[in-house]
C-alpha atoms as a PDB file:
ATOM      1  CA  MET A   1     153.350  -9.536 -23.692  1.00  0.00           C
ATOM      2  CA  GLY A   2     156.423 -11.492 -22.808  1.00  0.00           C
ATOM      3  CA  GLY A   3     154.651 -14.848 -22.954  1.00  0.00           C
ATOM      4  CA  ARG A   4     154.869 -17.683 -25.379  1.00  0.00           C
ATOM      5  CA  GLU A   5     152.508 -17.354 -28.294  1.00  0.00           C
ATOM      6  CA  GLY A   6     150.401 -20.252 -29.460  1.00  0.00           C
ATOM      7  CA  GLY A   7     150.623 -22.275 -26.256  1.00  0.00           C
ATOM      8  CA  LYS A   8     146.972 -23.164 -26.374  1.00  0.00           C
ATOM      9  CA  LYS A   9     147.292 -24.753 -29.816  1.00  0.00           C
ATOM     10  CA  ASP A  10     150.068 -27.097 -28.602  1.00  0.00           C
ATOM     11  CA  ALA A  11     147.881 -28.382 -25.776  1.00  0.00           C
ATOM     12  CA  GLU A  12     145.045 -29.113 -28.197  1.00  0.00           C
ATOM     13  CA  LYS A  13     147.313 -31.124 -30.508  1.00  0.00           C
ATOM     14  CA  LYS A  14     148.622 -33.423 -27.779  1.00  0.00           C
ATOM     15  CA  GLY A  15     145.291 -34.863 -26.700  1.00  0.00           C
ATOM     16  CA  LYS A  16     144.990 -37.329 -23.855  1.00  0.00           C
ATOM     17  CA  LYS A  17     148.128 -38.940 -22.435  1.00  0.00           C
ATOM     18  CA  GLN A  18     148.476 -42.644 -23.130  1.00  0.00           C
ATOM     19  CA  ARG A  19     148.835 -44.818 -20.051  1.00  0.00           C
ATOM     20  CA  THR A  20     151.961 -46.945 -20.010  1.00  0.00           C
ATOM     21  CA  GLY A  21     152.677 -50.094 -18.079  1.00  0.00           C
ATOM     22  CA  LYS A  22     150.434 -52.783 -16.728  1.00  0.00           C
ATOM     23  CA  LYS A  23     147.084 -51.917 -15.231  1.00  0.00           C
ATOM     24  CA  HIS A  24     146.748 -53.259 -11.692  1.00  0.00           C
ATOM     25  CA  SER A  25     143.950 -55.750 -11.399  1.00  0.00           C
ATOM     26  CA  SER A  26     141.923 -56.170  -8.247  1.00  0.00           C
ATOM     27  CA  PRO A  27     142.478 -59.319  -6.210  1.00  0.00           C
ATOM     28  CA  LYS A  28     140.492 -62.300  -7.372  1.00  0.00           C
ATOM     29  CA  VAL A  29     137.731 -62.278  -4.774  1.00  0.00           C
ATOM     30  CA  TYR A  30     136.406 -65.651  -5.875  1.00  0.00           C
ATOM     31  CA  LYS A  31     139.549 -67.254  -4.401  1.00  0.00           C
ATOM     32  CA  PHE A  32     138.681 -65.951  -0.919  1.00  0.00           C
ATOM     33  CA  TYR A  33     135.332 -67.756  -0.668  1.00  0.00           C
ATOM     34  CA  GLU A  34     134.105 -71.276  -1.320  1.00  0.00           C
ATOM     35  CA  SER A  35     130.531 -72.492  -1.457  1.00  0.00           C
ATOM     36  CA  LYS A  36     129.611 -75.769   0.201  1.00  0.00           C
ATOM     37  CA  GLY A  37     125.965 -76.544  -0.386  1.00  0.00           C
ATOM     38  CA  SER A  38     123.991 -73.506   0.725  1.00  0.00           C
ATOM     39  CA  GLU A  39     126.799 -72.111   2.924  1.00  0.00           C
ATOM     40  CA  VAL A  40     129.622 -69.769   2.003  1.00  0.00           C
ATOM     41  CA  VAL A  41     132.963 -70.564   3.638  1.00  0.00           C
ATOM     42  CA  ARG A  42     135.912 -68.165   3.875  1.00  0.00           C
ATOM     43  CA  ASN A  43     139.218 -69.661   2.755  1.00  0.00           C
ATOM     44  CA  ARG A  44     141.441 -67.113   4.502  1.00  0.00           C
ATOM     45  CA  LYS A  45     141.649 -65.667   7.997  1.00  0.00           C
ATOM     46  CA  ASN A  46     140.287 -62.205   8.750  1.00  0.00           C
ATOM     47  CA  CYS A  47     142.623 -59.587  10.208  1.00  0.00           C
ATOM     48  CA  PRO A  48     142.003 -59.201  13.962  1.00  0.00           C
ATOM     49  CA  ARG A  49     142.856 -55.476  13.842  1.00  0.00           C
ATOM     50  CA  CYS A  50     140.875 -54.472  10.738  1.00  0.00           C
ATOM     51  CA  GLY A  51     137.929 -56.769  11.352  1.00  0.00           C
ATOM     52  CA  PRO A  52     135.815 -58.882   9.035  1.00  0.00           C
ATOM     53  CA  GLY A  53     136.150 -58.284   5.304  1.00  0.00           C
ATOM     54  CA  VAL A  54     139.922 -57.740   5.353  1.00  0.00           C
ATOM     55  CA  PHE A  55     141.748 -60.966   4.618  1.00  0.00           C
ATOM     56  CA  MET A  56     145.276 -61.934   5.590  1.00  0.00           C
ATOM     57  CA  ALA A  57     147.740 -63.032   2.903  1.00  0.00           C
ATOM     58  CA  ASN A  58     149.194 -66.509   3.277  1.00  0.00           C
ATOM     59  CA  HIS A  59     152.969 -66.809   2.884  1.00  0.00           C
ATOM     60  CA  LYS A  60     155.320 -69.716   3.599  1.00  0.00           C
ATOM     61  CA  ASN A  61     156.127 -68.745   7.167  1.00  0.00           C
ATOM     62  CA  ARG A  62     153.636 -66.006   8.064  1.00  0.00           C
ATOM     63  CA  GLU A  63     150.220 -64.449   7.546  1.00  0.00           C
ATOM     64  CA  TYR A  64     150.186 -60.749   6.675  1.00  0.00           C
ATOM     65  CA  CYS A  65     147.535 -58.021   6.491  1.00  0.00           C
ATOM     66  CA  GLY A  66     148.199 -55.688   3.557  1.00  0.00           C
ATOM     67  CA  ARG A  67     146.017 -52.959   5.011  1.00  0.00           C
ATOM     68  CA  CYS A  68     147.464 -52.445   8.509  1.00  0.00           C
ATOM     69  CA  GLY A  69     150.672 -54.524   8.383  1.00  0.00           C
ATOM     70  CA  TYR A  70     149.674 -56.987  11.105  1.00  0.00           C
ATOM     71  CA  THR A  71     151.863 -60.127  10.867  1.00  0.00           C
ATOM     72  CA  VAL A  72     151.463 -63.536  12.485  1.00  0.00           C
ATOM     73  CA  SER A  73     154.460 -65.848  12.333  1.00  0.00           C
ATOM     74  CA  GLN A  74     153.777 -69.509  11.760  1.00  0.00           C
ATOM     75  CA  GLY A  75     156.168 -71.833  13.567  1.00  0.00           C
ATOM     76  CA  LYS A  76     157.839 -74.820  11.962  1.00  0.00           C
ATOM     77  CA  LYS A  77     155.361 -77.531  11.119  1.00  0.00           C
END
């Protein structure tokens, strides 16, 4: 009554939507750590706000936390 007929059939024909674009890959965790002998050394600084386990990104002139936005400027060297 007043509705479109056969709507259910159209939905069955379509199937699953295809994903377009590039799939985001997780950061390469093996770049954050380095093993020296029997010890594991962290290559990047931890965020002081978020705590251990959240690393800061290294840029030319600053270090940045992608989780909370904390930024540390590095002076001219």
